[in-house]
């Protein structure tokens, strides 16, 4: 959901520039089936304008009307949409969606949390929905802002927030000492680094951009780095990687130079970095040749490094064209980020929003 935060912020700034009040609607609990899950957000202006969605279109118009009423009252409220198909005429997903709606003030805690929600490290915003009062913001550096009452509830909420910040938790509402508390966990903008700016790199970059990734393209040939709108480009030969590129644990790497020697250098550089995902385009026998060449020059990847290496990359959808390969490859990264296996939903026995029991990409 990190890709939506910039849109929400832009809509906030535009509304405030026009002197319009705004409210943020956040899904805090889903029971049963629903189009979107906890943490989904939608901005509503006092004049009825909106940005982003909390469902597939079933809730938005009613949510606008409710949010405008909440803005007029000037206080945060929870609203519940019960779209059980046996109880309502609305042909929705048949679930119950609880939404927390609150006015947004310039430079208030919620606004500042949104501004920092796409930083490189996660933070947690914990809001008491019922059974207490207040909100706390646990920042990436461990600093704490805000207060919850009663004090014993504050202490337990902070303890849970610290646990969630250090793991792979997603937004959720929990019962804490008989209070209901929504823990909103920020999701830093995912990053993709492409080594290789060939013909098939543009569809890969474009697909990642559509899904909100920050994309960097690396190639030694300046003429090939033209036309990557929305991407950062770095002109660098393989012997310049260390000087011009700094990979981080938040980044995903796809190597697609289509040149054995250059791919070999890029693979070693990526594996020796802390990048969380290293994908090598091409068949397994090609990767084996590259690994053999690396072994001959004295580099044997460790088990931890090999665990981050994926080849062939992408979900098994029979992709053939560059555009289809891009869909398959980026879909694999999304699945690994969320802890999903990437198979057919038709064959899945658990709920469609239930991740694997063990994180697939840490």
Protein backbone atom coordinates (compact mmCIF):
# COMPACT_ATOMS: atom_id res chain seq x y z
CA UNK A 1 0.00 0.00 0.00
CA UNK A 2 3.05 2.23 0.13
CA UNK A 3 2.44 3.36 -3.46
CA UNK A 4 -0.85 4.96 -2.38
CA UNK A 5 0.71 7.20 0.27
CA UNK A 6 2.17 9.71 -2.23
CA UNK A 7 -1.27 9.99 -3.87
CA UNK A 8 -2.91 10.57 -0.51
CA UNK A 9 -0.37 13.22 0.43
CA UNK A 10 -0.76 14.99 -2.90
CA UNK A 11 -4.54 15.00 -2.46
CA UNK A 12 -4.16 16.36 1.08
CA UNK A 13 -1.94 19.20 -0.05
CA UNK A 14 -4.28 20.06 -2.93
CA UNK A 15 -7.32 20.13 -0.64
CA UNK A 16 -5.62 22.28 1.98
CA UNK A 17 -4.38 24.66 -0.72
CA UNK A 18 -8.06 25.21 -1.60
CA UNK A 19 -9.00 25.66 2.04
CA UNK A 20 -10.91 22.35 2.19
CA UNK A 21 -11.04 20.10 5.22
CA UNK A 22 -10.14 16.44 4.81
CA UNK A 23 -10.84 13.11 6.48
CA UNK A 24 -8.93 9.85 6.16
CA UNK A 25 -10.85 6.57 6.11
CA UNK A 26 -8.78 3.52 7.06
CA UNK A 27 -9.94 -0.09 7.04
CA UNK A 28 -9.23 -1.39 10.56
CA UNK A 29 -10.93 -4.79 10.51
CA UNK A 30 -12.28 -7.20 7.91
CA UNK A 31 -14.46 -10.17 8.78
CA UNK A 32 -15.13 -12.57 5.96
CA UNK A 33 -14.52 -11.64 2.34
CA UNK A 34 -13.66 -8.14 1.18
CA UNK A 35 -11.91 -6.56 -1.78
CA UNK A 36 -9.21 -4.90 0.35
CA UNK A 37 -7.72 -5.60 3.74
CA UNK A 38 -6.74 -3.76 6.91
CA UNK A 39 -4.69 -0.64 6.27
CA UNK A 40 -6.40 0.34 3.00
CA UNK A 41 -7.00 4.10 2.95
CA UNK A 42 -9.19 6.65 1.24
CA UNK A 43 -9.12 10.43 1.52
CA UNK A 44 -12.38 12.41 1.51
CA UNK A 45 -12.71 16.18 1.12
CA UNK A 46 -15.46 18.24 2.68
CA UNK A 47 -16.78 18.97 -0.82
CA UNK A 48 -17.12 15.27 -1.63
CA UNK A 49 -13.91 14.81 -3.57
CA UNK A 50 -11.86 11.72 -2.83
CA UNK A 51 -8.60 9.92 -3.54
CA UNK A 52 -7.73 6.20 -3.42
CA UNK A 53 -10.15 3.39 -2.55
CA UNK A 54 -10.99 1.11 0.37
CA UNK A 55 -12.87 -1.44 -1.74
CA UNK A 56 -13.53 -2.29 -5.34
CA UNK A 57 -16.21 0.40 -5.63
CA UNK A 58 -18.84 -1.07 -3.30
CA UNK A 59 -18.18 1.24 -0.35
CA UNK A 60 -16.76 4.42 -1.79
CA UNK A 61 -19.87 6.53 -2.38
CA UNK A 62 -21.38 5.70 1.00
CA UNK A 63 -18.00 6.27 2.61
CA UNK A 64 -17.81 9.76 1.11
CA UNK A 65 -21.18 10.68 2.59
CA UNK A 66 -20.27 9.28 6.03
CA UNK A 67 -16.87 10.97 6.04
CA UNK A 68 -18.41 14.34 5.17
CA UNK A 69 -20.75 13.96 8.15
CA UNK A 70 -17.84 13.03 10.43
CA UNK A 71 -15.92 16.06 9.20
CA UNK A 72 -18.87 18.25 10.08
CA UNK A 73 -18.93 16.78 13.61
CA UNK A 74 -15.18 17.21 13.91
CA UNK A 75 -14.29 13.95 15.64
CA UNK A 76 -13.00 10.51 14.71
CA UNK A 77 -15.54 7.68 14.47
CA UNK A 78 -15.75 4.05 13.46
CA UNK A 79 -18.28 2.94 10.89
CA UNK A 80 -19.20 -0.64 10.02
CA UNK A 81 -20.27 -1.92 6.59
CA UNK A 82 -22.00 -5.28 6.90
CA UNK A 83 -22.34 -6.65 3.39
CA UNK A 84 -23.28 -10.19 4.24
CA UNK A 85 -25.12 -11.20 1.11
CA UNK A 86 -27.77 -12.97 3.14
CA UNK A 87 -28.58 -9.75 5.00
CA UNK A 88 -28.32 -7.02 2.40
CA UNK A 89 -29.38 -6.33 -1.14
CA UNK A 90 -25.92 -5.09 -2.10
CA UNK A 91 -24.10 -7.67 -4.27
CA UNK A 92 -20.74 -7.30 -2.57
CA UNK A 93 -18.16 -9.78 -1.31
CA UNK A 94 -20.27 -10.93 1.61
CA UNK A 95 -18.02 -9.62 4.40
CA UNK A 96 -17.97 -7.01 7.13
CA UNK A 97 -15.62 -4.05 6.86
CA UNK A 98 -14.87 -1.72 9.78
CA UNK A 99 -13.48 1.70 8.90
CA UNK A 100 -11.92 4.34 11.17
CA UNK A 101 -12.62 7.82 9.85
CA UNK A 102 -10.84 10.87 11.25
CA UNK A 103 -10.20 14.49 10.27
CA UNK A 104 -6.63 15.17 9.15
CA UNK A 105 -4.92 18.30 10.43
CA UNK A 106 -1.85 19.84 8.75
CA UNK A 107 1.27 18.69 10.61
CA UNK A 108 -0.80 16.66 13.06
CA UNK A 109 0.53 13.25 14.03
CA UNK A 110 -1.43 11.43 11.32
CA UNK A 111 -0.20 13.81 8.62
CA UNK A 112 3.42 13.52 9.74
CA UNK A 113 3.17 9.73 9.95
CA UNK A 114 1.91 9.64 6.36
CA UNK A 115 4.80 11.88 5.30
CA UNK A 116 7.32 9.47 6.79
CA UNK A 117 5.46 6.24 6.02
CA UNK A 118 7.46 5.59 2.85
CA UNK A 119 10.86 5.92 4.53
CA UNK A 120 13.29 3.03 4.33
CA UNK A 121 12.33 1.58 7.73
CA UNK A 122 8.85 0.72 9.06
CA UNK A 123 7.07 2.63 11.79
CA UNK A 124 3.91 1.86 13.72
CA UNK A 125 0.96 4.13 14.44
CA UNK A 126 -1.24 2.66 17.18
CA UNK A 127 -4.72 4.13 17.65
CA UNK A 128 -7.23 3.22 20.34
CA UNK A 129 -10.55 2.51 18.66
CA UNK A 130 -12.51 1.62 21.80
CA UNK A 131 -11.83 1.01 25.49
CA UNK A 132 -9.36 3.83 26.02
CA UNK A 133 -8.09 7.00 24.42
CA UNK A 134 -5.11 8.25 22.50
CA UNK A 135 -2.53 7.32 19.92
CA UNK A 136 1.19 6.58 19.87
CA UNK A 137 3.65 6.69 17.00
CA UNK A 138 6.69 4.43 17.20
CA UNK A 139 9.24 5.88 14.78
CA UNK A 140 11.92 3.91 12.90
CA UNK A 141 14.64 5.15 15.27
CA UNK A 142 12.71 3.89 18.28
CA UNK A 143 11.50 7.32 19.38
CA UNK A 144 7.95 7.49 20.68
CA UNK A 145 5.38 10.24 20.25
CA UNK A 146 1.91 10.47 21.75
CA UNK A 147 0.12 9.03 24.76
CA UNK A 148 -2.57 6.45 25.45
CA UNK A 149 -4.74 6.27 28.54
CA UNK A 150 -4.95 4.47 30.85
CA UNK A 151 -1.15 4.23 31.46
CA UNK A 152 -1.11 0.44 31.70
CA UNK A 153 -2.74 0.24 28.26
CA UNK A 154 -0.12 2.64 26.92
CA UNK A 155 2.71 0.40 28.12
CA UNK A 156 1.27 -2.74 26.58
CA UNK A 157 0.45 -1.04 23.26
CA UNK A 158 4.02 0.28 23.01
CA UNK A 159 5.38 -3.20 23.72
CA UNK A 160 3.25 -4.71 20.94
CA UNK A 161 4.21 -1.91 18.55
CA UNK A 162 7.92 -2.61 19.09
CA UNK A 163 7.36 -6.29 18.36
CA UNK A 164 5.48 -5.48 15.17
CA UNK A 165 8.07 -2.98 14.00
CA UNK A 166 10.83 -5.56 14.20
CA UNK A 167 9.03 -8.20 12.16
CA UNK A 168 7.00 -8.51 8.98
CA UNK A 169 3.64 -7.55 10.50
CA UNK A 170 0.82 -6.00 8.55
CA UNK A 171 -1.85 -3.56 9.78
CA UNK A 172 -4.27 -5.17 12.22
CA UNK A 173 -6.70 -4.48 15.06
CA UNK A 174 -5.99 -6.25 18.34
CA UNK A 175 -7.73 -6.53 21.67
CA UNK A 176 -5.36 -5.19 24.34
CA UNK A 177 -6.61 -5.24 27.94
CA UNK A 178 -10.19 -5.29 26.64
CA UNK A 179 -9.47 -2.25 24.46
CA UNK A 180 -9.49 -2.32 20.67
CA UNK A 181 -6.31 -0.91 19.17
CA UNK A 182 -5.51 -0.54 15.50
CA UNK A 183 -1.81 -0.97 14.69
CA UNK A 184 -1.01 0.63 11.34
CA UNK A 185 2.38 -0.53 10.08
CA UNK A 186 3.99 1.60 7.40
CA UNK A 187 5.28 -0.12 4.28
CA UNK A 188 8.35 1.55 2.77
CA UNK A 189 8.20 2.02 -0.99
CA UNK A 190 9.65 -1.13 -2.60
CA UNK A 191 12.72 -0.63 -4.74
CA UNK A 192 13.86 -2.41 -7.87
CA UNK A 193 17.31 -2.20 -9.44
CA UNK A 194 17.68 -3.45 -13.01
CA UNK A 195 21.16 -4.32 -14.25
CA UNK A 196 20.75 -4.02 -17.98
CA UNK A 197 18.84 -1.49 -20.10
CA UNK A 198 18.03 -3.65 -23.09
CA UNK A 199 14.76 -3.77 -24.99
CA UNK A 200 13.06 -5.94 -22.37
CA UNK A 201 14.11 -3.71 -19.46
CA UNK A 202 11.53 -1.02 -20.26
CA UNK A 203 8.49 -3.30 -19.78
CA UNK A 204 10.07 -4.56 -16.56
CA UNK A 205 10.62 -1.02 -15.29
CA UNK A 206 7.14 0.10 -16.37
CA UNK A 207 5.41 -2.80 -14.64
CA UNK A 208 7.29 -2.06 -11.44
CA UNK A 209 6.43 1.64 -11.65
CA UNK A 210 2.73 0.84 -12.06
CA UNK A 211 2.88 -1.09 -8.77
CA UNK A 212 4.59 1.77 -6.96
CA UNK A 213 8.20 0.61 -7.01
CA UNK A 214 11.07 3.05 -7.07
CA UNK A 215 13.10 1.85 -10.07
CA UNK A 216 16.79 2.27 -10.85
CA UNK A 217 18.31 1.13 -14.15
CA UNK A 218 22.05 0.46 -14.47
CA UNK A 219 23.94 0.12 -17.75
CA UNK A 220 27.28 1.19 -19.20
CA UNK A 221 25.72 2.36 -22.48
CA UNK A 222 24.28 5.88 -22.23
CA UNK A 223 22.17 5.54 -25.37
CA UNK A 224 20.25 2.62 -23.84
CA UNK A 225 19.49 4.54 -20.67
CA UNK A 226 17.31 6.97 -22.60
CA UNK A 227 13.53 6.72 -22.31
CA UNK A 228 13.21 5.27 -18.81
CA UNK A 229 10.69 7.86 -17.65
CA UNK A 230 10.09 7.82 -13.93
CA UNK A 231 13.26 5.84 -13.22
CA UNK A 232 16.66 6.75 -11.88
CA UNK A 233 19.38 5.80 -14.34
CA UNK A 234 23.01 5.10 -13.52
CA UNK A 235 25.65 4.83 -16.21
CA UNK A 236 28.18 2.37 -14.84
CA UNK A 237 30.40 -0.36 -16.22
CA UNK A 238 30.86 -3.50 -14.15
CA UNK A 239 34.12 -2.22 -12.67
CA UNK A 240 32.35 0.95 -11.51
CA UNK A 241 29.54 -0.70 -9.56
CA UNK A 242 31.19 -0.28 -6.16
CA UNK A 243 31.84 3.42 -6.77
CA UNK A 244 28.46 4.36 -8.23
CA UNK A 245 25.93 1.95 -6.69
CA UNK A 246 25.02 1.18 -3.09
CA UNK A 247 22.51 -1.62 -2.71
CA UNK A 248 20.44 -1.84 0.49
CA UNK A 249 18.41 -4.55 2.26
CA UNK A 250 15.22 -2.92 0.94
CA UNK A 251 16.15 -3.39 -2.70
CA UNK A 252 15.28 -6.11 -5.19
CA UNK A 253 17.73 -6.76 -8.02
CA UNK A 254 17.04 -8.23 -11.45
CA UNK A 255 20.05 -8.93 -13.65
CA UNK A 256 19.22 -8.82 -17.35
CA UNK A 257 22.26 -7.62 -19.29
CA UNK A 258 22.07 -10.60 -21.71
CA UNK A 259 25.86 -10.82 -21.59
CA UNK A 260 27.55 -13.63 -19.69
CA UNK A 261 30.58 -11.70 -18.45
CA UNK A 262 28.62 -8.57 -17.46
CA UNK A 263 25.93 -10.66 -15.80
CA UNK A 264 28.64 -12.52 -13.90
CA UNK A 265 30.03 -9.27 -12.53
CA UNK A 266 26.57 -7.95 -11.70
CA UNK A 267 25.60 -11.19 -9.95
CA UNK A 268 28.67 -11.18 -7.75
CA UNK A 269 28.14 -7.52 -6.89
CA UNK A 270 24.49 -8.13 -6.00
CA UNK A 271 25.15 -11.27 -3.96
CA UNK A 272 27.90 -9.54 -1.98
CA UNK A 273 25.47 -6.71 -1.22
CA UNK A 274 22.62 -6.83 1.36
CA UNK A 275 19.93 -6.72 -1.38
CA UNK A 276 17.05 -8.90 -0.21
CA UNK A 277 16.22 -10.39 -3.62
CA UNK A 278 18.60 -11.16 -6.48
CA UNK A 279 16.96 -12.43 -9.64
CA UNK A 280 18.84 -13.65 -12.71
CA UNK A 281 16.90 -13.61 -15.97
CA UNK A 282 17.39 -16.69 -18.13
CA UNK A 283 17.45 -20.48 -17.83
CA UNK A 284 19.12 -22.52 -15.08
CA UNK A 285 21.93 -23.84 -17.27
CA UNK A 286 23.02 -20.28 -18.02
CA UNK A 287 23.15 -19.49 -14.30
CA UNK A 288 25.19 -22.64 -13.71
CA UNK A 289 27.77 -21.43 -16.23
CA UNK A 290 27.98 -18.09 -14.45
CA UNK A 291 28.32 -19.72 -11.03
CA UNK A 292 31.06 -22.00 -12.36
CA UNK A 293 32.91 -18.97 -13.71
CA UNK A 294 32.60 -17.22 -10.36
CA UNK A 295 33.93 -20.31 -8.61
CA UNK A 296 36.94 -20.34 -10.94
CA UNK A 297 37.74 -16.77 -9.94
CA UNK A 298 37.47 -17.64 -6.25
CA UNK A 299 33.92 -16.60 -5.37
CA UNK A 300 31.56 -19.26 -4.04
CA UNK A 301 28.24 -17.82 -2.78
CA UNK A 302 27.36 -18.66 0.81
CA UNK A 303 24.11 -20.51 1.66
CA UNK A 304 22.63 -17.19 2.81
CA UNK A 305 23.53 -15.55 -0.49
CA UNK A 306 22.13 -18.46 -2.49
CA UNK A 307 18.88 -18.24 -0.52
CA UNK A 308 18.38 -14.73 -1.93
CA UNK A 309 19.10 -15.81 -5.51
CA UNK A 310 16.17 -16.66 -7.79
CA UNK A 311 16.48 -18.28 -11.21
CA UNK A 312 14.56 -18.59 -13.41
CA UNK A 313 12.58 -15.61 -12.16
CA UNK A 314 8.86 -15.04 -12.26
CA UNK A 315 5.64 -16.90 -11.65
CA UNK A 316 4.87 -19.85 -13.90
CA UNK A 317 2.35 -18.23 -16.25
CA UNK A 318 3.89 -19.29 -19.55
CA UNK A 319 5.25 -15.81 -20.19
CA UNK A 320 6.85 -15.29 -23.60
CA UNK A 321 6.84 -11.61 -24.56
CA UNK A 322 8.89 -9.01 -22.64
CA UNK A 323 5.64 -7.58 -21.26
CA UNK A 324 4.46 -10.99 -20.02
CA UNK A 325 7.86 -11.75 -18.51
CA UNK A 326 7.71 -8.42 -16.68
CA UNK A 327 4.30 -9.29 -15.22
CA UNK A 328 5.57 -12.69 -14.07
CA UNK A 329 8.79 -11.32 -12.57
CA UNK A 330 7.27 -8.42 -10.65
CA UNK A 331 4.42 -10.64 -9.49
CA UNK A 332 6.98 -13.00 -7.96
CA UNK A 333 8.56 -10.15 -6.02
CA UNK A 334 5.16 -8.99 -4.76
CA UNK A 335 4.28 -12.53 -3.69
CA UNK A 336 7.56 -12.94 -1.82
CA UNK A 337 7.14 -9.56 -0.14
CA UNK A 338 3.71 -10.53 1.13
CA UNK A 339 4.67 -14.09 2.07
CA UNK A 340 2.58 -15.85 -0.60
CA UNK A 341 3.44 -18.85 -2.76
CA UNK A 342 2.11 -17.38 -6.01
CA UNK A 343 0.02 -20.39 -7.12
CA UNK A 344 -3.50 -20.46 -8.50
CA UNK A 345 -6.08 -19.01 -6.11
CA UNK A 346 -8.49 -21.59 -7.52
CA UNK A 347 -6.38 -24.32 -5.90
CA UNK A 348 -5.85 -22.56 -2.58
CA UNK A 349 -7.64 -24.12 0.38
CA UNK A 350 -7.00 -21.26 2.82
CA UNK A 351 -8.42 -17.74 2.50
CA UNK A 352 -7.12 -15.75 -0.43
CA UNK A 353 -5.59 -13.16 1.90
CA UNK A 354 -3.82 -15.73 4.11
CA UNK A 355 -0.05 -15.72 3.65
CA UNK A 356 2.34 -18.62 4.09
CA UNK A 357 3.05 -19.62 7.67
CA UNK A 358 6.77 -18.93 7.16
CA UNK A 359 7.94 -15.63 5.60
CA UNK A 360 9.26 -16.24 2.11
CA UNK A 361 11.33 -13.09 1.86
CA UNK A 362 12.78 -11.39 4.95
